[in-house]
Amino acid sequence: MKKVGIWLDKVKAYVFTLHNHSEKLTMIYSEIKPYHIVGGSGSRLKGGPQDVVQDSKYLEREKHDFNNYFDKIIENLKDADTIVIFGPAEAGEKLNKKLQQEYKPIANKITAVKKADSMTLNQTKALIKDYFKKHI
């Protein structure tokens, strides 16, 4: 049985594959650029000229970057028998949503999506091993 545990945030993902008695770690780095609004008021005068801030342009870029990041992660999940996703914030939820919408056969193998704070590589490895010992 091939078990895959993922810990991810906006910057990187650790994909641990446990198969028989062997372990494999794959580190995947995202290319998501920081979201900084450029623009705003162009003048200190009331009613003066103003630059238009295109939030939608930044959000669309971020969405595109997330999709590329998730596609790299999904490549490591194709032959998994069971999958668990850990991570802070909403990155894990977004990955799960993408899998549910576009990769239903892989999404059916997800046993849990759990919140987990940032941790060291060894802590992450221990968390994933412990989860599989208790739940699978």
C-alpha atoms as a PDB file:
ATOM      1  CA  MET A   1       0.000   0.000   0.000  1.00  0.00           C
ATOM      2  CA  LYS A   2       1.445   3.330  -1.061  1.00  0.00           C
ATOM      3  CA  LYS A   3       0.698   6.118   1.429  1.00  0.00           C
ATOM      4  CA  VAL A   4       1.396   9.759   0.628  1.00  0.00           C
ATOM      5  CA  GLY A   5       1.452  12.579   3.164  1.00  0.00           C
ATOM      6  CA  ILE A   6       1.724  16.181   2.063  1.00  0.00           C
ATOM      7  CA  TRP A   7       2.593  19.220   4.139  1.00  0.00           C
ATOM      8  CA  LEU A   8       2.290  22.430   2.157  1.00  0.00           C
ATOM      9  CA  ASP A   9       2.083  26.180   2.422  1.00  0.00           C
ATOM     10  CA  LYS A  10       2.415  28.990  -0.140  1.00  0.00           C
ATOM     11  CA  VAL A  11       6.203  28.583  -0.367  1.00  0.00           C
ATOM     12  CA  LYS A  12       6.938  24.861  -0.430  1.00  0.00           C
ATOM     13  CA  ALA A  13       5.495  21.387  -0.151  1.00  0.00           C
ATOM     14  CA  TYR A  14       6.948  18.250   1.403  1.00  0.00           C
ATOM     15  CA  VAL A  15       5.569  15.102  -0.211  1.00  0.00           C
ATOM     16  CA  PHE A  16       6.364  11.975   1.832  1.00  0.00           C
ATOM     17  CA  THR A  17       5.760   8.647   0.162  1.00  0.00           C
ATOM     18  CA  LEU A  18       5.672   5.562   2.360  1.00  0.00           C
ATOM     19  CA  HIS A  19       5.642   2.298   0.425  1.00  0.00           C
ATOM     20  CA  ASN A  20       6.315  -1.050   2.092  1.00  0.00           C
ATOM     21  CA  HIS A  21       9.262  -0.160   4.335  1.00  0.00           C
ATOM     22  CA  SER A  22      10.791   2.544   2.180  1.00  0.00           C
ATOM     23  CA  GLU A  23      10.388   6.306   2.447  1.00  0.00           C
ATOM     24  CA  LYS A  24      10.785   8.974  -0.185  1.00  0.00           C
ATOM     25  CA  LEU A  25      10.748  12.736   0.268  1.00  0.00           C
ATOM     26  CA  THR A  26      10.048  15.147  -2.556  1.00  0.00           C
ATOM     27  CA  MET A  27      10.349  18.879  -1.947  1.00  0.00           C
ATOM     28  CA  ILE A  28       8.409  21.119  -4.295  1.00  0.00           C
ATOM     29  CA  TYR A  29       8.838  24.881  -4.276  1.00  0.00           C
ATOM     30  CA  SER A  30       6.108  27.197  -5.475  1.00  0.00           C
ATOM     31  CA  GLU A  31       6.696  30.119  -7.748  1.00  0.00           C
ATOM     32  CA  ILE A  32       3.947  32.214  -6.168  1.00  0.00           C
ATOM     33  CA  LYS A  33       5.021  35.821  -6.161  1.00  0.00           C
ATOM     34  CA  PRO A  34       4.325  38.021  -3.141  1.00  0.00           C
ATOM     35  CA  TYR A  35       1.141  40.030  -3.424  1.00  0.00           C
ATOM     36  CA  HIS A  36       2.093  43.715  -3.273  1.00  0.00           C
ATOM     37  CA  ILE A  37      -0.270  46.366  -4.535  1.00  0.00           C
ATOM     38  CA  VAL A  38       1.501  48.975  -6.622  1.00  0.00           C
ATOM     39  CA  GLY A  39      -0.357  52.162  -7.314  1.00  0.00           C
ATOM     40  CA  GLY A  40      -2.920  54.151  -5.413  1.00  0.00           C
ATOM     41  CA  SER A  41      -3.122  57.868  -4.961  1.00  0.00           C
ATOM     42  CA  GLY A  42      -0.921  59.761  -7.402  1.00  0.00           C
ATOM     43  CA  SER A  43      -1.363  63.134  -5.748  1.00  0.00           C
ATOM     44  CA  ARG A  44      -1.651  64.625  -2.293  1.00  0.00           C
ATOM     45  CA  LEU A  45      -4.269  67.049  -3.534  1.00  0.00           C
ATOM     46  CA  LYS A  46      -7.879  66.207  -2.841  1.00  0.00           C
ATOM     47  CA  GLY A  47      -9.500  65.175  -6.101  1.00  0.00           C
ATOM     48  CA  GLY A  48      -6.138  65.023  -7.886  1.00  0.00           C
ATOM     49  CA  PRO A  49      -5.193  62.341 -10.416  1.00  0.00           C
ATOM     50  CA  GLN A  50      -5.125  58.792  -9.108  1.00  0.00           C
ATOM     51  CA  ASP A  51      -3.665  55.554 -10.381  1.00  0.00           C
ATOM     52  CA  VAL A  52      -6.071  52.680 -10.698  1.00  0.00           C
ATOM     53  CA  VAL A  53      -5.041  49.588  -8.726  1.00  0.00           C
ATOM     54  CA  GLN A  54      -5.842  46.377 -10.595  1.00  0.00           C
ATOM     55  CA  ASP A  55      -6.445  43.881  -7.746  1.00  0.00           C
ATOM     56  CA  SER A  56      -7.969  41.410 -10.176  1.00  0.00           C
ATOM     57  CA  LYS A  57      -4.720  41.272 -12.173  1.00  0.00           C
ATOM     58  CA  TYR A  58      -2.720  40.295  -9.063  1.00  0.00           C
ATOM     59  CA  LEU A  59      -5.327  37.806  -7.897  1.00  0.00           C
ATOM     60  CA  GLU A  60      -5.446  36.183 -11.328  1.00  0.00           C
ATOM     61  CA  ARG A  61      -1.651  35.822 -11.381  1.00  0.00           C
ATOM     62  CA  GLU A  62      -1.705  34.281  -7.906  1.00  0.00           C
ATOM     63  CA  LYS A  63      -4.434  31.843  -8.960  1.00  0.00           C
ATOM     64  CA  HIS A  64      -2.410  30.835 -12.023  1.00  0.00           C
ATOM     65  CA  ASP A  65       0.737  30.373  -9.870  1.00  0.00           C
ATOM     66  CA  PHE A  66      -1.219  28.218  -7.382  1.00  0.00           C
ATOM     67  CA  ASN A  67      -2.490  26.017 -10.222  1.00  0.00           C
ATOM     68  CA  ASN A  68       1.047  25.448 -11.517  1.00  0.00           C
ATOM     69  CA  TYR A  69       2.238  24.658  -7.974  1.00  0.00           C
ATOM     70  CA  PHE A  70      -0.603  22.205  -7.392  1.00  0.00           C
ATOM     71  CA  ASP A  71       0.014  20.493 -10.741  1.00  0.00           C
ATOM     72  CA  LYS A  72       3.604  19.768  -9.644  1.00  0.00           C
ATOM     73  CA  ILE A  73       2.294  18.259  -6.391  1.00  0.00           C
ATOM     74  CA  ILE A  74      -0.395  16.211  -8.138  1.00  0.00           C
ATOM     75  CA  GLU A  75       2.253  14.538 -10.321  1.00  0.00           C
ATOM     76  CA  ASN A  76       3.471  12.819  -7.129  1.00  0.00           C
ATOM     77  CA  LEU A  77      -0.007  11.552  -6.190  1.00  0.00           C
ATOM     78  CA  LYS A  78      -1.014   9.609  -9.288  1.00  0.00           C
ATOM     79  CA  ASP A  79      -0.198   6.112  -7.965  1.00  0.00           C
ATOM     80  CA  ALA A  80      -0.976   6.684  -4.257  1.00  0.00           C
ATOM     81  CA  ASP A  81      -3.411   4.413  -2.427  1.00  0.00           C
ATOM     82  CA  THR A  82      -4.152   6.828   0.402  1.00  0.00           C
ATOM     83  CA  ILE A  83      -3.392  10.546   0.831  1.00  0.00           C
ATOM     84  CA  VAL A  84      -3.394  12.959   3.762  1.00  0.00           C
ATOM     85  CA  ILE A  85      -2.862  16.725   3.443  1.00  0.00           C
ATOM     86  CA  PHE A  86      -1.457  18.954   6.196  1.00  0.00           C
ATOM     87  CA  GLY A  87      -0.641  22.646   6.240  1.00  0.00           C
ATOM     88  CA  PRO A  88      -1.241  26.074   7.707  1.00  0.00           C
ATOM     89  CA  ALA A  89      -3.636  28.619   6.216  1.00  0.00           C
ATOM     90  CA  GLU A  90      -5.686  27.713   3.169  1.00  0.00           C
ATOM     91  CA  ALA A  91      -3.147  26.048   0.871  1.00  0.00           C
ATOM     92  CA  GLY A  92      -4.239  22.528   1.839  1.00  0.00           C
ATOM     93  CA  GLU A  93      -7.899  23.411   1.371  1.00  0.00           C
ATOM     94  CA  LYS A  94      -7.166  24.894  -2.074  1.00  0.00           C
ATOM     95  CA  LEU A  95      -5.284  21.753  -3.130  1.00  0.00           C
ATOM     96  CA  ASN A  96      -8.152  19.567  -1.924  1.00  0.00           C
ATOM     97  CA  LYS A  97     -10.663  21.724  -3.822  1.00  0.00           C
ATOM     98  CA  LYS A  98      -8.630  21.438  -7.048  1.00  0.00           C
ATOM     99  CA  LEU A  99      -8.427  17.669  -6.636  1.00  0.00           C
ATOM    100  CA  GLN A 100     -12.183  17.417  -5.984  1.00  0.00           C
ATOM    101  CA  GLN A 101     -12.989  19.461  -9.079  1.00  0.00           C
ATOM    102  CA  GLU A 102     -10.424  18.234 -11.606  1.00  0.00           C
ATOM    103  CA  TYR A 103      -8.930  14.941 -10.340  1.00  0.00           C
ATOM    104  CA  LYS A 104     -11.828  12.995  -8.809  1.00  0.00           C
ATOM    105  CA  PRO A 105     -10.051   9.566  -8.800  1.00  0.00           C
ATOM    106  CA  ILE A 106      -7.145  11.052  -6.808  1.00  0.00           C
ATOM    107  CA  ALA A 107      -9.487  13.067  -4.571  1.00  0.00           C
ATOM    108  CA  ASN A 108     -11.289   9.868  -3.551  1.00  0.00           C
ATOM    109  CA  LYS A 109      -8.033   8.641  -1.973  1.00  0.00           C
ATOM    110  CA  ILE A 110      -7.765  11.602   0.434  1.00  0.00           C
ATOM    111  CA  THR A 111      -8.426  10.468   3.996  1.00  0.00           C
ATOM    112  CA  ALA A 112      -7.984  13.865   5.700  1.00  0.00           C
ATOM    113  CA  VAL A 113      -7.146  17.527   5.218  1.00  0.00           C
ATOM    114  CA  LYS A 114      -5.812  18.883   8.507  1.00  0.00           C
ATOM    115  CA  LYS A 115      -4.423  22.172   9.760  1.00  0.00           C
ATOM    116  CA  ALA A 116      -0.814  22.005  10.939  1.00  0.00           C
ATOM    117  CA  ASP A 117       1.510  24.837  11.850  1.00  0.00           C
ATOM    118  CA  SER A 118       4.872  25.373  10.218  1.00  0.00           C
ATOM    119  CA  MET A 119       7.379  22.807  11.413  1.00  0.00           C
ATOM    120  CA  THR A 120      10.770  21.386  10.639  1.00  0.00           C
ATOM    121  CA  LEU A 121      11.240  18.654   8.087  1.00  0.00           C
ATOM    122  CA  ASN A 122      11.720  16.005  10.801  1.00  0.00           C
ATOM    123  CA  GLN A 123       8.606  17.163  12.668  1.00  0.00           C
ATOM    124  CA  THR A 124       6.601  16.983   9.453  1.00  0.00           C
ATOM    125  CA  LYS A 125       7.889  13.500   8.709  1.00  0.00           C
ATOM    126  CA  ALA A 126       6.991  12.346  12.235  1.00  0.00           C
ATOM    127  CA  LEU A 127       3.501  13.907  11.961  1.00  0.00           C
ATOM    128  CA  ILE A 128       2.755  12.063   8.720  1.00  0.00           C
ATOM    129  CA  LYS A 129       4.138   8.718   9.969  1.00  0.00           C
ATOM    130  CA  ASP A 130       2.163   9.065  13.194  1.00  0.00           C
ATOM    131  CA  TYR A 131      -1.044   9.835  11.290  1.00  0.00           C
ATOM    132  CA  PHE A 132      -0.713   6.732   9.134  1.00  0.00           C
ATOM    133  CA  LYS A 133       0.079   4.529  12.171  1.00  0.00           C
ATOM    134  CA  LYS A 134      -3.064   5.709  13.981  1.00  0.00           C
ATOM    135  CA  HIS A 135      -5.559   5.974  11.134  1.00  0.00           C
ATOM    136  CA  ILE A 136      -4.597   3.529   8.397  1.00  0.00           C
END
